PDB file of N, CA and C in Angstrom:
ATOM      1  N   MET A   1     121.733 104.300  95.529  1.00  0.00           N
ATOM      2  CA  MET A   1     119.865 105.167  95.187  1.00  0.00           C
ATOM      3  C   MET A   1     120.219 106.731  95.377  1.00  0.00           C
ATOM      4  N   ALA A   2     119.632 107.254  94.406  1.00  0.00           N
ATOM      5  CA  ALA A   2     119.596 108.672  94.279  1.00  0.00           C
ATOM      6  C   ALA A   2     118.746 108.942  95.602  1.00  0.00           C
ATOM      7  N   ALA A   3     118.876 110.405  95.987  1.00  0.00           N
ATOM      8  CA  ALA A   3     117.702 110.917  97.087  1.00  0.00           C
ATOM      9  C   ALA A   3     116.547 111.587  96.520  1.00  0.00           C
ATOM     10  N   ARG A   4     115.878 111.516  96.928  1.00  0.00           N
ATOM     11  CA  ARG A   4     114.442 112.431  96.683  1.00  0.00           C
ATOM     12  C   ARG A   4     114.724 113.613  96.595  1.00  0.00           C
ATOM     13  N   VAL A   5     114.247 114.527  95.275  1.00  0.00           N
ATOM     14  CA  VAL A   5     114.808 115.997  95.115  1.00  0.00           C
ATOM     15  C   VAL A   5     114.080 116.919  96.019  1.00  0.00           C
ATOM     16  N   ASP A   6     115.013 117.857  96.850  1.00  0.00           N
ATOM     17  CA  ASP A   6     114.328 118.737  97.665  1.00  0.00           C
ATOM     18  C   ASP A   6     113.683 120.117  96.727  1.00  0.00           C
ATOM     19  N   VAL A   7     112.304 120.377  97.229  1.00  0.00           N
ATOM     20  CA  VAL A   7     111.510 121.530  96.648  1.00  0.00           C
ATOM     21  C   VAL A   7     111.754 122.641  97.801  1.00  0.00           C
ATOM     22  N   PRO A   8     112.245 123.405  97.019  1.00  0.00           N
ATOM     23  CA  PRO A   8     112.436 124.969  98.053  1.00  0.00           C
ATOM     24  C   PRO A   8     110.951 125.585  98.342  1.00  0.00           C
ATOM     25  N   VAL A   9     111.024 126.270  99.511  1.00  0.00           N
ATOM     26  CA  VAL A   9     109.521 126.568 100.077  1.00  0.00           C
ATOM     27  C   VAL A   9     110.079 128.221 100.113  1.00  0.00           C
ATOM     28  N   THR A  10     109.094 128.822  99.350  1.00  0.00           N
ATOM     29  CA  THR A  10     108.753 130.565  99.226  1.00  0.00           C
ATOM     30  C   THR A  10     108.049 130.871  99.935  1.00  0.00           C
ATOM     31  N   ALA A  11     108.495 131.958 100.817  1.00  0.00           N
ATOM     32  CA  ALA A  11     107.557 132.649 101.711  1.00  0.00           C
ATOM     33  C   ALA A  11     106.563 133.167 100.755  1.00  0.00           C
ATOM     34  N   ILE A  12     104.998 133.438 101.528  1.00  0.00           N
ATOM     35  CA  ILE A  12     104.565 134.359 101.043  1.00  0.00           C
ATOM     36  C   ILE A  12     104.118 135.576 101.768  1.00  0.00           C
ATOM     37  N   THR A  13     104.280 136.966 101.285  1.00  0.00           N
ATOM     38  CA  THR A  13     104.489 138.168 102.014  1.00  0.00           C
ATOM     39  C   THR A  13     103.495 139.160 101.787  1.00  0.00           C
ATOM     40  N   ARG A  14     103.347 139.927 102.758  1.00  0.00           N
ATOM     41  CA  ARG A  14     101.961 140.887 102.188  1.00  0.00           C
ATOM     42  C   ARG A  14     102.288 141.616 101.337  1.00  0.00           C
ATOM     43  N   ILE A  15     103.737 141.901 100.677  1.00  0.00           N
ATOM     44  CA  ILE A  15     103.726 142.636  99.265  1.00  0.00           C
ATOM     45  C   ILE A  15     103.440 141.844  98.073  1.00  0.00           C
ATOM     46  N   GLY A  16     103.199 139.960  98.543  1.00  0.00           N
ATOM     47  CA  GLY A  16     103.041 139.600  97.073  1.00  0.00           C
ATOM     48  C   GLY A  16     104.403 138.806  96.711  1.00  0.00           C
ATOM     49  N   VAL A  17     104.116 137.858  96.317  1.00  0.00           N
ATOM     50  CA  VAL A  17     105.379 136.851  95.499  1.00  0.00           C
ATOM     51  C   VAL A  17     104.956 136.741  94.280  1.00  0.00           C
ATOM     52  N   ASP A  18     105.996 136.754  93.372  1.00  0.00           N
ATOM     53  CA  ASP A  18     105.432 136.080  91.795  1.00  0.00           C
ATOM     54  C   ASP A  18     105.955 134.641  91.863  1.00  0.00           C
ATOM     55  N   PRO A  19     104.866 133.906  91.466  1.00  0.00           N
ATOM     56  CA  PRO A  19     104.886 132.588  91.250  1.00  0.00           C
ATOM     57  C   PRO A  19     105.973 132.241  90.145  1.00  0.00           C
ATOM     58  N   GLY A  20     105.648 132.887  89.159  1.00  0.00           N
ATOM     59  CA  GLY A  20     106.425 132.407  87.996  1.00  0.00           C
ATOM     60  C   GLY A  20     107.956 132.630  88.372  1.00  0.00           C
ATOM     61  N   ALA A  21     108.440 133.524  89.252  1.00  0.00           N
ATOM     62  CA  ALA A  21     109.662 133.699  89.746  1.00  0.00           C
ATOM     63  C   ALA A  21     110.602 132.503  90.385  1.00  0.00           C
ATOM     64  N   THR A  22     109.790 131.924  90.790  1.00  0.00           N
ATOM     65  CA  THR A  22     109.758 130.656  91.619  1.00  0.00           C
ATOM     66  C   THR A  22     110.074 129.668  90.609  1.00  0.00           C
ATOM     67  N   GLY A  23     111.326 129.092  90.705  1.00  0.00           N
ATOM     68  CA  GLY A  23     111.918 127.633  89.575  1.00  0.00           C
ATOM     69  C   GLY A  23     111.152 126.451  89.866  1.00  0.00           C
ATOM     70  N   GLU A  24     110.377 126.006  88.765  1.00  0.00           N
ATOM     71  CA  GLU A  24     110.036 124.514  89.312  1.00  0.00           C
ATOM     72  C   GLU A  24     111.017 123.316  89.235  1.00  0.00           C
ATOM     73  N   VAL A  25     110.464 122.343  90.238  1.00  0.00           N
ATOM     74  CA  VAL A  25     111.909 121.051  90.564  1.00  0.00           C
ATOM     75  C   VAL A  25     111.235 120.139  89.891  1.00  0.00           C
ATOM     76  N   THR A  26     112.150 119.345  89.409  1.00  0.00           N
ATOM     77  CA  THR A  26     111.381 118.278  88.538  1.00  0.00           C
ATOM     78  C   THR A  26     111.849 116.952  89.611  1.00  0.00           C
ATOM     79  N   PRO A  27     111.080 116.156  90.200  1.00  0.00           N
ATOM     80  CA  PRO A  27     111.370 115.166  90.986  1.00  0.00           C
ATOM     81  C   PRO A  27     112.305 114.069  90.564  1.00  0.00           C
ATOM     82  N   ASP A  28     113.153 113.354  91.223  1.00  0.00           N
ATOM     83  CA  ASP A  28     113.887 112.463  90.847  1.00  0.00           C
ATOM     84  C   ASP A  28     112.678 111.089  90.413  1.00  0.00           C
ATOM     85  N   ALA A  29     113.192 110.555  88.970  1.00  0.00           N
ATOM     86  CA  ALA A  29     112.415 109.432  88.577  1.00  0.00           C
ATOM     87  C   ALA A  29     112.041 108.383  89.079  1.00  0.00           C
ATOM     88  N   THR A  30     113.258 107.974  90.199  1.00  0.00           N
ATOM     89  CA  THR A  30     112.508 106.609  91.259  1.00  0.00           C
ATOM     90  C   THR A  30     111.869 107.501  92.472  1.00  0.00           C
ATOM     91  N   ASN A  31     112.425 108.163  93.121  1.00  0.00           N
ATOM     92  CA  ASN A  31     112.515 108.557  94.659  1.00  0.00           C
ATOM     93  C   ASN A  31     111.431 109.846  94.946  1.00  0.00           C
ATOM     94  N   GLY A  32     111.080 110.470  93.804  1.00  0.00           N
ATOM     95  CA  GLY A  32     110.062 111.444  93.841  1.00  0.00           C
ATOM     96  C   GLY A  32     110.855 112.668  94.779  1.00  0.00           C
ATOM     97  N   ALA A  33     110.236 113.338  95.452  1.00  0.00           N
ATOM     98  CA  ALA A  33     110.565 114.778  95.906  1.00  0.00           C
ATOM     99  C   ALA A  33     110.147 114.915  97.559  1.00  0.00           C
ATOM    100  N   LYS A  34     110.492 115.655  97.830  1.00  0.00           N
ATOM    101  CA  LYS A  34     110.617 115.954  99.380  1.00  0.00           C
ATOM    102  C   LYS A  34     110.425 117.489  99.559  1.00  0.00           C
ATOM    103  N   PHE A  35     109.782 118.377 100.403  1.00  0.00           N
ATOM    104  CA  PHE A  35     109.899 119.358 100.798  1.00  0.00           C
ATOM    105  C   PHE A  35     109.652 119.815 102.414  1.00  0.00           C
ATOM    106  N   SER A  36     110.275 120.163 103.037  1.00  0.00           N
ATOM    107  CA  SER A  36     110.150 121.099 104.467  1.00  0.00           C
ATOM    108  C   SER A  36     108.653 121.298 104.876  1.00  0.00           C
ATOM    109  N   ASN A  37     108.047 121.262 105.749  1.00  0.00           N
ATOM    110  CA  ASN A  37     107.025 121.318 106.612  1.00  0.00           C
ATOM    111  C   ASN A  37     106.622 121.882 107.885  1.00  0.00           C
ATOM    112  N   ASP A  38     106.083 122.805 108.294  1.00  0.00           N
ATOM    113  CA  ASP A  38     105.799 123.551 109.193  1.00  0.00           C
ATOM    114  C   ASP A  38     104.348 123.530 109.342  1.00  0.00           C
ATOM    115  N   GLY A  39     103.406 122.854 108.523  1.00  0.00           N
ATOM    116  CA  GLY A  39     102.190 123.045 108.830  1.00  0.00           C
ATOM    117  C   GLY A  39     101.236 124.169 108.038  1.00  0.00           C
ATOM    118  N   ALA A  40     101.970 125.502 107.696  1.00  0.00           N
ATOM    119  CA  ALA A  40     101.746 126.263 106.570  1.00  0.00           C
ATOM    120  C   ALA A  40     102.113 126.379 105.347  1.00  0.00           C
ATOM    121  N   VAL A  41     102.443 124.958 104.518  1.00  0.00           N
ATOM    122  CA  VAL A  41     103.165 125.118 103.231  1.00  0.00           C
ATOM    123  C   VAL A  41     102.111 124.119 102.386  1.00  0.00           C
ATOM    124  N   PHE A  42     102.118 124.444 101.361  1.00  0.00           N
ATOM    125  CA  PHE A  42     101.297 124.174 100.136  1.00  0.00           C
ATOM    126  C   PHE A  42     102.102 123.816  99.161  1.00  0.00           C
ATOM    127  N   LEU A  43     101.801 122.875  98.322  1.00  0.00           N
ATOM    128  CA  LEU A  43     102.587 122.266  97.097  1.00  0.00           C
ATOM    129  C   LEU A  43     101.763 122.941  95.598  1.00  0.00           C
ATOM    130  N   GLN A  44     102.481 123.176  95.024  1.00  0.00           N
ATOM    131  CA  GLN A  44     101.803 123.293  93.890  1.00  0.00           C
ATOM    132  C   GLN A  44     102.680 122.386  92.585  1.00  0.00           C
ATOM    133  N   ALA A  45     101.427 121.371  92.158  1.00  0.00           N
ATOM    134  CA  ALA A  45     101.996 120.471  91.248  1.00  0.00           C
ATOM    135  C   ALA A  45     101.377 120.779  90.009  1.00  0.00           C
ATOM    136  N   ARG A  46     102.392 120.767  88.936  1.00  0.00           N
ATOM    137  CA  ARG A  46     102.095 120.916  87.312  1.00  0.00           C
ATOM    138  C   ARG A  46     102.581 119.430  86.793  1.00  0.00           C
ATOM    139  N   ASN A  47     101.333 119.270  85.997  1.00  0.00           N
ATOM    140  CA  ASN A  47     101.471 118.000  85.193  1.00  0.00           C
ATOM    141  C   ASN A  47     101.897 118.535  83.276  1.00  0.00           C
ATOM    142  N   SER A  48     103.366 118.251  83.306  1.00  0.00           N
ATOM    143  CA  SER A  48     104.113 118.495  82.231  1.00  0.00           C
ATOM    144  C   SER A  48     103.648 117.743  81.251  1.00  0.00           C
ATOM    145  N   GLY A  49     103.110 116.790  81.653  1.00  0.00           N
ATOM    146  CA  GLY A  49     103.180 115.175  80.318  1.00  0.00           C
ATOM    147  C   GLY A  49     101.370 115.207  79.484  1.00  0.00           C
ATOM    148  N   GLY A  50     101.491 114.246  78.906  1.00  0.00           N
ATOM    149  CA  GLY A  50     100.295 114.199  77.967  1.00  0.00           C
ATOM    150  C   GLY A  50      99.138 113.461  78.684  1.00  0.00           C
ATOM    151  N   GLY A  51      99.611 112.600  79.648  1.00  0.00           N
ATOM    152  CA  GLY A  51      98.318 112.076  80.393  1.00  0.00           C
ATOM    153  C   GLY A  51      98.387 112.394  81.705  1.00  0.00           C
ATOM    154  N   ALA A  52      97.031 111.785  82.368  1.00  0.00           N
ATOM    155  CA  ALA A  52      96.920 111.992  83.814  1.00  0.00           C
ATOM    156  C   ALA A  52      97.752 111.613  84.810  1.00  0.00           C
ATOM    157  N   HIS A  53      98.079 112.100  86.008  1.00  0.00           N
ATOM    158  CA  HIS A  53      98.851 111.549  87.110  1.00  0.00           C
ATOM    159  C   HIS A  53      98.459 111.602  88.506  1.00  0.00           C
ATOM    160  N   ILE A  54      98.590 110.913  89.162  1.00  0.00           N
ATOM    161  CA  ILE A  54      98.382 110.566  90.763  1.00  0.00           C
ATOM    162  C   ILE A  54      99.657 111.207  91.393  1.00  0.00           C
ATOM    163  N   VAL A  55      99.216 112.026  91.937  1.00  0.00           N
ATOM    164  CA  VAL A  55     100.221 112.424  92.908  1.00  0.00           C
ATOM    165  C   VAL A  55      99.963 112.394  94.400  1.00  0.00           C
ATOM    166  N   THR A  56     100.652 111.625  94.877  1.00  0.00           N
ATOM    167  CA  THR A  56     100.515 111.051  96.069  1.00  0.00           C
ATOM    168  C   THR A  56     101.452 111.499  97.373  1.00  0.00           C
ATOM    169  N   VAL A  57     101.014 112.204  98.323  1.00  0.00           N
ATOM    170  CA  VAL A  57     101.791 112.871  99.889  1.00  0.00           C
ATOM    171  C   VAL A  57     101.253 111.861 100.488  1.00  0.00           C
ATOM    172  N   GLN A  58     103.002 110.905 101.018  1.00  0.00           N
ATOM    173  CA  GLN A  58     102.697 110.164 101.756  1.00  0.00           C
ATOM    174  C   GLN A  58     102.010 110.655 103.314  1.00  0.00           C
ATOM    175  N   ILE A  59     101.670 109.302 104.426  1.00  0.00           N
ATOM    176  CA  ILE A  59     101.667 109.625 105.461  1.00  0.00           C
ATOM    177  C   ILE A  59     102.096 109.002 106.041  1.00  0.00           C
ATOM    178  N   PRO A  60     103.119 108.647 106.861  1.00  0.00           N
ATOM    179  CA  PRO A  60     104.226 108.080 107.257  1.00  0.00           C
ATOM    180  C   PRO A  60     103.462 107.846 108.888  1.00  0.00           C
ATOM    181  N   ARG A  61     102.136 107.714 108.942  1.00  0.00           N
ATOM    182  CA  ARG A  61     101.945 106.875 110.759  1.00  0.00           C
ATOM    183  C   ARG A  61     100.889 106.104 110.197  1.00  0.00           C
ATOM    184  N   THR A  62     100.824 105.438 111.433  1.00  0.00           N
ATOM    185  CA  THR A  62      99.404 104.487 111.876  1.00  0.00           C
ATOM    186  C   THR A  62      98.629 104.748 112.927  1.00  0.00           C
ATOM    187  N   GLU A  63      97.313 104.323 112.691  1.00  0.00           N
ATOM    188  CA  GLU A  63      96.111 104.512 113.698  1.00  0.00           C
ATOM    189  C   GLU A  63      95.829 103.356 114.236  1.00  0.00           C
ATOM    190  N   ALA A  64      96.339 102.703 115.776  1.00  0.00           N
ATOM    191  CA  ALA A  64      96.012 101.579 116.046  1.00  0.00           C
ATOM    192  C   ALA A  64      96.490 100.506 115.093  1.00  0.00           C
ATOM    193  N   GLY A  65      97.585 100.637 114.839  1.00  0.00           N
ATOM    194  CA  GLY A  65      98.558  99.629 114.211  1.00  0.00           C
ATOM    195  C   GLY A  65      98.189  99.818 112.974  1.00  0.00           C
ATOM    196  N   LEU A  66      97.146 100.323 112.312  1.00  0.00           N
ATOM    197  CA  LEU A  66      96.691 100.546 110.878  1.00  0.00           C
ATOM    198  C   LEU A  66      97.314 101.376 110.148  1.00  0.00           C
ATOM    199  N   ALA A  67      98.103 101.209 108.843  1.00  0.00           N
ATOM    200  CA  ALA A  67      98.432 102.198 108.000  1.00  0.00           C
ATOM    201  C   ALA A  67      97.171 103.131 107.787  1.00  0.00           C
ATOM    202  N   VAL A  68      97.789 104.653 107.766  1.00  0.00           N
ATOM    203  CA  VAL A  68      96.413 105.624 107.189  1.00  0.00           C
ATOM    204  C   VAL A  68      97.112 105.795 105.608  1.00  0.00           C
ATOM    205  N   THR A  69      96.151 105.790 104.723  1.00  0.00           N
ATOM    206  CA  THR A  69      95.769 105.973 103.326  1.00  0.00           C
ATOM    207  C   THR A  69      96.608 107.123 103.047  1.00  0.00           C
ATOM    208  N   ALA A  70      97.745 107.222 102.072  1.00  0.00           N
ATOM    209  CA  ALA A  70      98.044 108.713 101.447  1.00  0.00           C
ATOM    210  C   ALA A  70      96.957 109.405 100.991  1.00  0.00           C
ATOM    211  N   LEU A  71      97.671 110.305 100.411  1.00  0.00           N
ATOM    212  CA  LEU A  71      96.740 111.534 100.151  1.00  0.00           C
ATOM    213  C   LEU A  71      96.812 111.590  98.429  1.00  0.00           C
ATOM    214  N   ALA A  72      96.120 111.086  97.606  1.00  0.00           N
ATOM    215  CA  ALA A  72      96.123 110.782  96.114  1.00  0.00           C
ATOM    216  C   ALA A  72      95.351 111.757  95.580  1.00  0.00           C
ATOM    217  N   VAL A  73      95.866 112.819  94.949  1.00  0.00           N
ATOM    218  CA  VAL A  73      95.114 113.540  93.851  1.00  0.00           C
ATOM    219  C   VAL A  73      95.604 113.660  92.241  1.00  0.00           C
ATOM    220  N   SER A  74      94.331 113.368  91.552  1.00  0.00           N
ATOM    221  CA  SER A  74      94.388 113.159  90.154  1.00  0.00           C
ATOM    222  C   SER A  74      94.491 114.448  89.617  1.00  0.00           C
ATOM    223  N   ILE A  75      95.594 114.819  88.764  1.00  0.00           N
ATOM    224  CA  ILE A  75      95.815 115.848  87.902  1.00  0.00           C
ATOM    225  C   ILE A  75      95.920 115.744  86.223  1.00  0.00           C
ATOM    226  N   GLY A  76      95.177 115.993  85.640  1.00  0.00           N
ATOM    227  CA  GLY A  76      95.233 116.072  84.251  1.00  0.00           C
ATOM    228  C   GLY A  76      96.175 116.466  83.644  1.00  0.00           C
ATOM    229  N   ALA A  77      96.459 116.194  82.539  1.00  0.00           N
ATOM    230  CA  ALA A  77      97.541 116.510  81.298  1.00  0.00           C
ATOM    231  C   ALA A  77      97.327 118.083  81.479  1.00  0.00           C
ATOM    232  N   GLY A  78      98.682 118.518  81.509  1.00  0.00           N
ATOM    233  CA  GLY A  78      98.857 120.160  81.379  1.00  0.00           C
ATOM    234  C   GLY A  78      97.884 120.914  82.831  1.00  0.00           C
ATOM    235  N   LEU A  79      97.539 120.429  83.620  1.00  0.00           N
ATOM    236  CA  LEU A  79      96.816 120.697  84.570  1.00  0.00           C
ATOM    237  C   LEU A  79      97.431 121.520  86.117  1.00  0.00           C
ATOM    238  N   THR A  80      97.683 122.243  86.827  1.00  0.00           N
ATOM    239  CA  THR A  80      98.045 122.522  87.941  1.00  0.00           C
ATOM    240  C   THR A  80      97.065 122.593  88.944  1.00  0.00           C
ATOM    241  N   ARG A  81      97.590 122.116  90.063  1.00  0.00           N
ATOM    242  CA  ARG A  81      96.671 122.010  91.497  1.00  0.00           C
ATOM    243  C   ARG A  81      98.040 122.621  92.285  1.00  0.00           C
ATOM    244  N   LEU A  82      97.217 123.115  93.317  1.00  0.00           N
ATOM    245  CA  LEU A  82      97.380 123.581  94.416  1.00  0.00           C
ATOM    246  C   LEU A  82      96.862 122.706  95.701  1.00  0.00           C
ATOM    247  N   ILE A  83      98.107 121.941  96.556  1.00  0.00           N
ATOM    248  CA  ILE A  83      97.634 120.992  97.093  1.00  0.00           C
ATOM    249  C   ILE A  83      98.042 121.198  98.545  1.00  0.00           C
ATOM    250  N   GLY A  84      97.418 121.172  99.747  1.00  0.00           N
ATOM    251  CA  GLY A  84      98.193 121.719 101.199  1.00  0.00           C
ATOM    252  C   GLY A  84      96.752 122.414 101.953  1.00  0.00           C
ATOM    253  N   PRO A  85      96.983 122.589 102.986  1.00  0.00           N
ATOM    254  CA  PRO A  85      98.216 122.465 104.205  1.00  0.00           C
ATOM    255  C   PRO A  85      98.527 121.236 104.501  1.00  0.00           C
ATOM    256  N   PHE A  86      99.945 120.669 105.061  1.00  0.00           N
ATOM    257  CA  PHE A  86      99.655 119.688 105.370  1.00  0.00           C
ATOM    258  C   PHE A  86      99.581 119.292 106.734  1.00  0.00           C
ATOM    259  N   PRO A  87      98.954 118.937 107.824  1.00  0.00           N
ATOM    260  CA  PRO A  87      99.268 119.170 109.429  1.00  0.00           C
ATOM    261  C   PRO A  87     100.760 118.162 109.465  1.00  0.00           C
ATOM    262  N   VAL A  88     101.782 118.787 110.316  1.00  0.00           N
ATOM    263  CA  VAL A  88     102.668 118.051 110.639  1.00  0.00           C
ATOM    264  C   VAL A  88     102.914 116.824 110.911  1.00  0.00           C
ATOM    265  N   ALA A  89     101.438 116.574 112.327  1.00  0.00           N
ATOM    266  CA  ALA A  89     101.389 115.059 112.972  1.00  0.00           C
ATOM    267  C   ALA A  89     101.106 114.284 112.068  1.00  0.00           C
ATOM    268  N   THR A  90     100.543 114.840 110.887  1.00  0.00           N
ATOM    269  CA  THR A  90     100.193 113.538 110.126  1.00  0.00           C
ATOM    270  C   THR A  90     101.157 113.286 108.638  1.00  0.00           C
ATOM    271  N   PHE A  91     101.316 114.409 108.122  1.00  0.00           N
ATOM    272  CA  PHE A  91     102.140 114.455 106.727  1.00  0.00           C
ATOM    273  C   PHE A  91     103.587 114.098 107.236  1.00  0.00           C
ATOM    274  N   ASN A  92     104.256 114.798 108.189  1.00  0.00           N
ATOM    275  CA  ASN A  92     105.956 114.957 108.453  1.00  0.00           C
ATOM    276  C   ASN A  92     106.183 113.563 108.626  1.00  0.00           C
ATOM    277  N   GLN A  93     107.516 113.228 107.837  1.00  0.00           N
ATOM    278  CA  GLN A  93     108.563 111.786 108.356  1.00  0.00           C
ATOM    279  C   GLN A  93     109.487 112.591 109.328  1.00  0.00           C
ATOM    280  N   GLY A  94     109.726 111.147 109.997  1.00  0.00           N
ATOM    281  CA  GLY A  94     110.641 111.066 110.937  1.00  0.00           C
ATOM    282  C   GLY A  94     112.147 110.508 110.751  1.00  0.00           C
ATOM    283  N   GLY A  95     112.877 110.382 111.348  1.00  0.00           N
ATOM    284  CA  GLY A  95     113.977 109.566 111.603  1.00  0.00           C
ATOM    285  C   GLY A  95     114.575 110.598 110.604  1.00  0.00           C
ATOM    286  N   ALA A  96     115.716 110.404 109.558  1.00  0.00           N
ATOM    287  CA  ALA A  96     116.947 111.221 108.821  1.00  0.00           C
ATOM    288  C   ALA A  96     115.848 112.600 108.180  1.00  0.00           C
ATOM    289  N   ASP A  97     114.752 112.307 107.588  1.00  0.00           N
ATOM    290  CA  ASP A  97     114.080 113.067 107.118  1.00  0.00           C
ATOM    291  C   ASP A  97     112.804 113.804 107.575  1.00  0.00           C
ATOM    292  N   ILE A  98     112.972 113.944 109.549  1.00  0.00           N
ATOM    293  CA  ILE A  98     112.503 114.550 110.209  1.00  0.00           C
ATOM    294  C   ILE A  98     112.023 116.152 109.741  1.00  0.00           C
ATOM    295  N   GLY A  99     110.572 116.478 109.581  1.00  0.00           N
ATOM    296  CA  GLY A  99     110.210 117.605 108.996  1.00  0.00           C
ATOM    297  C   GLY A  99     110.455 117.701 107.824  1.00  0.00           C
ATOM    298  N   TYR A 100     110.029 117.071 107.044  1.00  0.00           N
ATOM    299  CA  TYR A 100     109.620 116.773 105.079  1.00  0.00           C
ATOM    300  C   TYR A 100     108.679 116.216 105.299  1.00  0.00           C
ATOM    301  N   VAL A 101     108.011 116.532 103.883  1.00  0.00           N
ATOM    302  CA  VAL A 101     107.060 115.524 103.333  1.00  0.00           C
ATOM    303  C   VAL A 101     107.405 115.094 102.291  1.00  0.00           C
ATOM    304  N   PHE A 102     106.944 113.271 102.255  1.00  0.00           N
ATOM    305  CA  PHE A 102     107.230 112.960 100.650  1.00  0.00           C
ATOM    306  C   PHE A 102     106.044 113.030  99.831  1.00  0.00           C
ATOM    307  N   VAL A 103     106.502 113.265  98.381  1.00  0.00           N
ATOM    308  CA  VAL A 103     105.659 113.418  97.145  1.00  0.00           C
ATOM    309  C   VAL A 103     106.147 112.473  96.179  1.00  0.00           C
ATOM    310  N   ASP A 104     105.207 111.412  95.774  1.00  0.00           N
ATOM    311  CA  ASP A 104     105.471 110.633  94.485  1.00  0.00           C
ATOM    312  C   ASP A 104     104.419 110.880  93.582  1.00  0.00           C
ATOM    313  N   ALA A 105     104.559 110.090  92.486  1.00  0.00           N
ATOM    314  CA  ALA A 105     103.669 110.508  91.328  1.00  0.00           C
ATOM    315  C   ALA A 105     103.683 109.384  90.355  1.00  0.00           C
ATOM    316  N   ASP A 106     102.565 108.707  90.094  1.00  0.00           N
ATOM    317  CA  ASP A 106     102.370 107.946  88.979  1.00  0.00           C
ATOM    318  C   ASP A 106     101.810 108.343  87.517  1.00  0.00           C
ATOM    319  N   PRO A 107     101.876 107.931  86.422  1.00  0.00           N
ATOM    320  CA  PRO A 107     103.494 106.778  86.224  1.00  0.00           C
ATOM    321  C   PRO A 107     104.331 107.179  85.704  1.00  0.00           C
ATOM    322  N   THR A 108     104.718 108.717  85.850  1.00  0.00           N
ATOM    323  CA  THR A 108     106.023 109.142  85.364  1.00  0.00           C
ATOM    324  C   THR A 108     106.099 110.531  86.279  1.00  0.00           C
ATOM    325  N   GLN A 109     107.588 109.994  86.899  1.00  0.00           N
ATOM    326  CA  GLN A 109     107.643 111.020  88.348  1.00  0.00           C
ATOM    327  C   GLN A 109     107.785 112.507  87.307  1.00  0.00           C
ATOM    328  N   THR A 110     108.678 112.311  86.821  1.00  0.00           N
ATOM    329  CA  THR A 110     109.615 113.318  85.961  1.00  0.00           C
ATOM    330  C   THR A 110     108.509 114.360  85.375  1.00  0.00           C
ATOM    331  N   GLU A 111     107.385 113.672  85.258  1.00  0.00           N
ATOM    332  CA  GLU A 111     106.603 114.784  84.220  1.00  0.00           C
ATOM    333  C   GLU A 111     105.772 115.791  84.893  1.00  0.00           C
ATOM    334  N   MET A 112     106.103 115.369  86.624  1.00  0.00           N
ATOM    335  CA  MET A 112     105.459 116.638  87.244  1.00  0.00           C
ATOM    336  C   MET A 112     106.728 117.552  87.580  1.00  0.00           C
ATOM    337  N   LYS A 113     105.726 118.801  87.904  1.00  0.00           N
ATOM    338  CA  LYS A 113     106.760 119.831  88.432  1.00  0.00           C
ATOM    339  C   LYS A 113     106.079 120.632  89.766  1.00  0.00           C
ATOM    340  N   TYR A 114     107.345 120.712  90.540  1.00  0.00           N
ATOM    341  CA  TYR A 114     106.694 121.213  92.096  1.00  0.00           C
ATOM    342  C   TYR A 114     107.108 122.430  92.389  1.00  0.00           C
ATOM    343  N   LYS A 115     106.436 123.009  92.893  1.00  0.00           N
ATOM    344  CA  LYS A 115     106.625 124.228  93.753  1.00  0.00           C
ATOM    345  C   LYS A 115     106.024 124.527  95.303  1.00  0.00           C
ATOM    346  N   ALA A 116     106.691 124.933  96.268  1.00  0.00           N
ATOM    347  CA  ALA A 116     106.110 124.815  97.837  1.00  0.00           C
ATOM    348  C   ALA A 116     106.564 126.492  98.179  1.00  0.00           C
ATOM    349  N   PHE A 117     105.214 126.518  98.767  1.00  0.00           N
ATOM    350  CA  PHE A 117     104.783 127.784  99.476  1.00  0.00           C
ATOM    351  C   PHE A 117     104.567 127.958 100.597  1.00  0.00           C
ATOM    352  N   ARG A 118     104.859 128.732 101.800  1.00  0.00           N
ATOM    353  CA  ARG A 118     104.606 128.648 102.947  1.00  0.00           C
ATOM    354  C   ARG A 118     103.747 130.238 103.440  1.00  0.00           C
ATOM    355  N   PHE A 119     102.524 129.962 103.732  1.00  0.00           N
ATOM    356  CA  PHE A 119     101.971 131.352 103.858  1.00  0.00           C
ATOM    357  C   PHE A 119     101.412 131.809 105.240  1.00  0.00           C
TER     358      PHE A 119
END
């Protein structure tokens, strides 16, 4: 089984960052993507496909024994959305992927292109 693709996180500085200079990451077709999160990260999600996609940011915790609904963002064909920030206690995974946030997309993962930025 292939692993989730790691989206590098670029720090935004006072002198600025050229978002075009940071390469986009294509997620794994089955397993999606992940990025390191310290609570000050946001995700740039670009739909390169011809139809709408739902980008789902997983929430791996429960409240009173009940699963918390994941964050789902609809992104139309050809559009880009900036999503975040992601509070650590809510969005970060545990275990082997501690400190990472998991991202998936429907219906075709590979039509989504991701970048991540820290402010």
